[in-house]
Amino acid sequence: MATGVAVGLGFTPAILGAVADAWNFQIGVLFLGVLTVLSCVLLRELGKI
């Protein structure tokens, strides 16, 4: 749970800010959306390990 809070409150806004600075905010939100979908797919596979 602590890892989830650290990633959600610290890592995610930093990535969004970096991508928004490099390109624009819409691409940053799209990038984080893609990461969220990929994490859901990877969590599905975690149960089989």
PDB file of N, CA and C in Angstrom:
ATOM      1  N   MET A   1       0.824  -1.179   0.000  1.00  0.00           N
ATOM      2  CA  MET A   1       0.000   0.000   0.000  1.00  0.00           C
ATOM      3  C   MET A   1       0.874   1.251   0.000  1.00  0.00           C
ATOM      4  N   ALA A   2       1.960   1.216   0.720  1.00  0.00           N
ATOM      5  CA  ALA A   2       2.859   2.369   0.756  1.00  0.00           C
ATOM      6  C   ALA A   2       3.474   2.633  -0.612  1.00  0.00           C
ATOM      7  N   THR A   3       3.776   1.576  -1.337  1.00  0.00           N
ATOM      8  CA  THR A   3       4.326   1.747  -2.684  1.00  0.00           C
ATOM      9  C   THR A   3       3.304   2.402  -3.602  1.00  0.00           C
ATOM     10  N   GLY A   4       2.053   2.006  -3.487  1.00  0.00           N
ATOM     11  CA  GLY A   4       1.001   2.601  -4.301  1.00  0.00           C
ATOM     12  C   GLY A   4       0.815   4.075  -4.016  1.00  0.00           C
ATOM     13  N   VAL A   5       0.891   4.446  -2.752  1.00  0.00           N
ATOM     14  CA  VAL A   5       0.768   5.858  -2.383  1.00  0.00           C
ATOM     15  C   VAL A   5       1.968   6.644  -2.882  1.00  0.00           C
ATOM     16  N   ALA A   6       3.157   6.088  -2.742  1.00  0.00           N
ATOM     17  CA  ALA A   6       4.365   6.779  -3.198  1.00  0.00           C
ATOM     18  C   ALA A   6       4.349   6.986  -4.705  1.00  0.00           C
ATOM     19  N   VAL A   7       3.921   5.978  -5.435  1.00  0.00           N
ATOM     20  CA  VAL A   7       3.861   6.094  -6.893  1.00  0.00           C
ATOM     21  C   VAL A   7       2.753   7.060  -7.295  1.00  0.00           C
ATOM     22  N   GLY A   8       1.600   6.934  -6.670  1.00  0.00           N
ATOM     23  CA  GLY A   8       0.453   7.766  -7.032  1.00  0.00           C
ATOM     24  C   GLY A   8       0.635   9.228  -6.686  1.00  0.00           C
ATOM     25  N   LEU A   9       1.287   9.520  -5.579  1.00  0.00           N
ATOM     26  CA  LEU A   9       1.443  10.903  -5.149  1.00  0.00           C
ATOM     27  C   LEU A   9       2.768  11.526  -5.563  1.00  0.00           C
ATOM     28  N   GLY A  10       3.761  10.718  -5.875  1.00  0.00           N
ATOM     29  CA  GLY A  10       5.072  11.265  -6.189  1.00  0.00           C
ATOM     30  C   GLY A  10       5.520  11.036  -7.611  1.00  0.00           C
ATOM     31  N   PHE A  11       5.407   9.821  -8.069  1.00  0.00           N
ATOM     32  CA  PHE A  11       5.948   9.451  -9.376  1.00  0.00           C
ATOM     33  C   PHE A  11       5.042   9.894 -10.526  1.00  0.00           C
ATOM     34  N   THR A  12       3.761   9.699 -10.362  1.00  0.00           N
ATOM     35  CA  THR A  12       2.814  10.017 -11.428  1.00  0.00           C
ATOM     36  C   THR A  12       2.778  11.500 -11.780  1.00  0.00           C
ATOM     37  N   PRO A  13       2.653  12.417 -10.823  1.00  0.00           N
ATOM     38  CA  PRO A  13       2.673  13.838 -11.188  1.00  0.00           C
ATOM     39  C   PRO A  13       3.999  14.287 -11.800  1.00  0.00           C
ATOM     40  N   ALA A  14       5.086  13.673 -11.371  1.00  0.00           N
ATOM     41  CA  ALA A  14       6.390  14.020 -11.938  1.00  0.00           C
ATOM     42  C   ALA A  14       6.473  13.602 -13.401  1.00  0.00           C
ATOM     43  N   ILE A  15       5.983  12.423 -13.725  1.00  0.00           N
ATOM     44  CA  ILE A  15       5.967  11.967 -15.119  1.00  0.00           C
ATOM     45  C   ILE A  15       5.054  12.860 -15.950  1.00  0.00           C
ATOM     46  N   LEU A  16       3.877  13.163 -15.419  1.00  0.00           N
ATOM     47  CA  LEU A  16       2.943  14.016 -16.151  1.00  0.00           C
ATOM     48  C   LEU A  16       3.556  15.388 -16.409  1.00  0.00           C
ATOM     49  N   GLY A  17       4.214  15.962 -15.425  1.00  0.00           N
ATOM     50  CA  GLY A  17       4.859  17.260 -15.599  1.00  0.00           C
ATOM     51  C   GLY A  17       5.991  17.217 -16.607  1.00  0.00           C
ATOM     52  N   ALA A  18       6.787  16.164 -16.574  1.00  0.00           N
ATOM     53  CA  ALA A  18       7.910  16.047 -17.508  1.00  0.00           C
ATOM     54  C   ALA A  18       7.424  15.891 -18.944  1.00  0.00           C
ATOM     55  N   VAL A  19       6.423  15.060 -19.141  1.00  0.00           N
ATOM     56  CA  VAL A  19       5.886  14.866 -20.487  1.00  0.00           C
ATOM     57  C   VAL A  19       5.184  16.133 -20.964  1.00  0.00           C
ATOM     58  N   ALA A  20       4.464  16.807 -20.070  1.00  0.00           N
ATOM     59  CA  ALA A  20       3.789  18.054 -20.450  1.00  0.00           C
ATOM     60  C   ALA A  20       4.799  19.136 -20.814  1.00  0.00           C
ATOM     61  N   ASP A  21       5.944  19.174 -20.130  1.00  0.00           N
ATOM     62  CA  ASP A  21       6.982  20.145 -20.478  1.00  0.00           C
ATOM     63  C   ASP A  21       7.626  19.819 -21.822  1.00  0.00           C
ATOM     64  N   ALA A  22       7.831  18.536 -22.077  1.00  0.00           N
ATOM     65  CA  ALA A  22       8.490  18.133 -23.311  1.00  0.00           C
ATOM     66  C   ALA A  22       7.573  18.295 -24.525  1.00  0.00           C
ATOM     67  N   TRP A  23       6.314  17.891 -24.393  1.00  0.00           N
ATOM     68  CA  TRP A  23       5.376  17.975 -25.512  1.00  0.00           C
ATOM     69  C   TRP A  23       4.198  18.860 -25.116  1.00  0.00           C
ATOM     70  N   ASN A  24       3.115  18.246 -24.647  1.00  0.00           N
ATOM     71  CA  ASN A  24       1.992  19.008 -24.122  1.00  0.00           C
ATOM     72  C   ASN A  24       1.216  18.164 -23.121  1.00  0.00           C
ATOM     73  N   PHE A  25       0.277  18.804 -22.450  1.00  0.00           N
ATOM     74  CA  PHE A  25      -0.441  18.148 -21.355  1.00  0.00           C
ATOM     75  C   PHE A  25      -1.296  16.985 -21.849  1.00  0.00           C
ATOM     76  N   GLN A  26      -1.894  17.111 -23.016  1.00  0.00           N
ATOM     77  CA  GLN A  26      -2.749  16.047 -23.537  1.00  0.00           C
ATOM     78  C   GLN A  26      -1.963  14.770 -23.792  1.00  0.00           C
ATOM     79  N   ILE A  27      -0.757  14.900 -24.298  1.00  0.00           N
ATOM     80  CA  ILE A  27       0.073  13.713 -24.525  1.00  0.00           C
ATOM     81  C   ILE A  27       0.469  13.095 -23.179  1.00  0.00           C
ATOM     82  N   GLY A  28       0.714  13.923 -22.169  1.00  0.00           N
ATOM     83  CA  GLY A  28       1.038  13.412 -20.844  1.00  0.00           C
ATOM     84  C   GLY A  28      -0.099  12.606 -20.250  1.00  0.00           C
ATOM     85  N   VAL A  29      -1.320  13.104 -20.374  1.00  0.00           N
ATOM     86  CA  VAL A  29      -2.481  12.371 -19.862  1.00  0.00           C
ATOM     87  C   VAL A  29      -2.687  11.083 -20.657  1.00  0.00           C
ATOM     88  N   LEU A  30      -2.503  11.151 -21.967  1.00  0.00           N
ATOM     89  CA  LEU A  30      -2.612   9.950 -22.799  1.00  0.00           C
ATOM     90  C   LEU A  30      -1.565   8.915 -22.392  1.00  0.00           C
ATOM     91  N   PHE A  31      -0.334   9.362 -22.168  1.00  0.00           N
ATOM     92  CA  PHE A  31       0.747   8.473 -21.756  1.00  0.00           C
ATOM     93  C   PHE A  31       0.416   7.777 -20.435  1.00  0.00           C
ATOM     94  N   LEU A  32      -0.090   8.534 -19.461  1.00  0.00           N
ATOM     95  CA  LEU A  32      -0.444   7.927 -18.182  1.00  0.00           C
ATOM     96  C   LEU A  32      -1.640   6.994 -18.314  1.00  0.00           C
ATOM     97  N   GLY A  33      -2.555   7.292 -19.218  1.00  0.00           N
ATOM     98  CA  GLY A  33      -3.673   6.388 -19.469  1.00  0.00           C
ATOM     99  C   GLY A  33      -3.212   5.064 -20.052  1.00  0.00           C
ATOM    100  N   VAL A  34      -2.277   5.145 -20.977  1.00  0.00           N
ATOM    101  CA  VAL A  34      -1.717   3.919 -21.568  1.00  0.00           C
ATOM    102  C   VAL A  34      -0.989   3.110 -20.497  1.00  0.00           C
ATOM    103  N   LEU A  35      -0.235   3.778 -19.637  1.00  0.00           N
ATOM    104  CA  LEU A  35       0.447   3.062 -18.553  1.00  0.00           C
ATOM    105  C   LEU A  35      -0.536   2.402 -17.604  1.00  0.00           C
ATOM    106  N   THR A  36      -1.645   3.052 -17.335  1.00  0.00           N
ATOM    107  CA  THR A  36      -2.665   2.480 -16.456  1.00  0.00           C
ATOM    108  C   THR A  36      -3.278   1.232 -17.087  1.00  0.00           C
ATOM    109  N   VAL A  37      -3.596   1.286 -18.359  1.00  0.00           N
ATOM    110  CA  VAL A  37      -4.170   0.126 -19.043  1.00  0.00           C
ATOM    111  C   VAL A  37      -3.168  -1.026 -19.076  1.00  0.00           C
ATOM    112  N   LEU A  38      -1.905  -0.716 -19.361  1.00  0.00           N
ATOM    113  CA  LEU A  38      -0.887  -1.770 -19.385  1.00  0.00           C
ATOM    114  C   LEU A  38      -0.685  -2.392 -18.011  1.00  0.00           C
ATOM    115  N   SER A  39      -0.762  -1.583 -16.968  1.00  0.00           N
ATOM    116  CA  SER A  39      -0.602  -2.140 -15.620  1.00  0.00           C
ATOM    117  C   SER A  39      -1.755  -3.074 -15.280  1.00  0.00           C
ATOM    118  N   CYS A  40      -2.960  -2.758 -15.748  1.00  0.00           N
ATOM    119  CA  CYS A  40      -4.096  -3.648 -15.519  1.00  0.00           C
ATOM    120  C   CYS A  40      -3.900  -4.985 -16.229  1.00  0.00           C
ATOM    121  N   VAL A  41      -3.376  -4.936 -17.439  1.00  0.00           N
ATOM    122  CA  VAL A  41      -3.105  -6.171 -18.188  1.00  0.00           C
ATOM    123  C   VAL A  41      -2.027  -6.984 -17.484  1.00  0.00           C
ATOM    124  N   LEU A  42      -0.990  -6.308 -17.002  1.00  0.00           N
ATOM    125  CA  LEU A  42       0.088  -7.026 -16.302  1.00  0.00           C
ATOM    126  C   LEU A  42      -0.398  -7.608 -14.987  1.00  0.00           C
ATOM    127  N   LEU A  43      -1.300  -6.947 -14.289  1.00  0.00           N
ATOM    128  CA  LEU A  43      -1.831  -7.490 -13.050  1.00  0.00           C
ATOM    129  C   LEU A  43      -2.657  -8.748 -13.294  1.00  0.00           C
ATOM    130  N   ARG A  44      -3.304  -8.828 -14.438  1.00  0.00           N
ATOM    131  CA  ARG A  44      -4.058 -10.033 -14.775  1.00  0.00           C
ATOM    132  C   ARG A  44      -3.114 -11.233 -14.873  1.00  0.00           C
ATOM    133  N   GLU A  45      -1.940 -11.018 -15.434  1.00  0.00           N
ATOM    134  CA  GLU A  45      -0.962 -12.091 -15.589  1.00  0.00           C
ATOM    135  C   GLU A  45      -0.275 -12.447 -14.276  1.00  0.00           C
ATOM    136  N   LEU A  46      -0.301 -11.548 -13.313  1.00  0.00           N
ATOM    137  CA  LEU A  46       0.379 -11.769 -12.036  1.00  0.00           C
ATOM    138  C   LEU A  46      -0.233 -12.930 -11.273  1.00  0.00           C
ATOM    139  N   GLY A  47      -1.505 -13.144 -11.419  1.00  0.00           N
ATOM    140  CA  GLY A  47      -2.178 -14.245 -10.728  1.00  0.00           C
ATOM    141  C   GLY A  47      -1.712 -15.619 -11.176  1.00  0.00           C
ATOM    142  N   LYS A  48      -1.176 -15.728 -12.362  1.00  0.00           N
ATOM    143  CA  LYS A  48      -0.744 -17.012 -12.909  1.00  0.00           C
ATOM    144  C   LYS A  48       0.668 -17.377 -12.490  1.00  0.00           C
ATOM    145  N   ILE A  49       1.385 -16.447 -11.894  1.00  0.00           N
ATOM    146  CA  ILE A  49       2.775 -16.710 -11.525  1.00  0.00           C
ATOM    147  C   ILE A  49       2.822 -17.564 -10.275  1.00  0.00           C
TER     148      ILE A  49
END
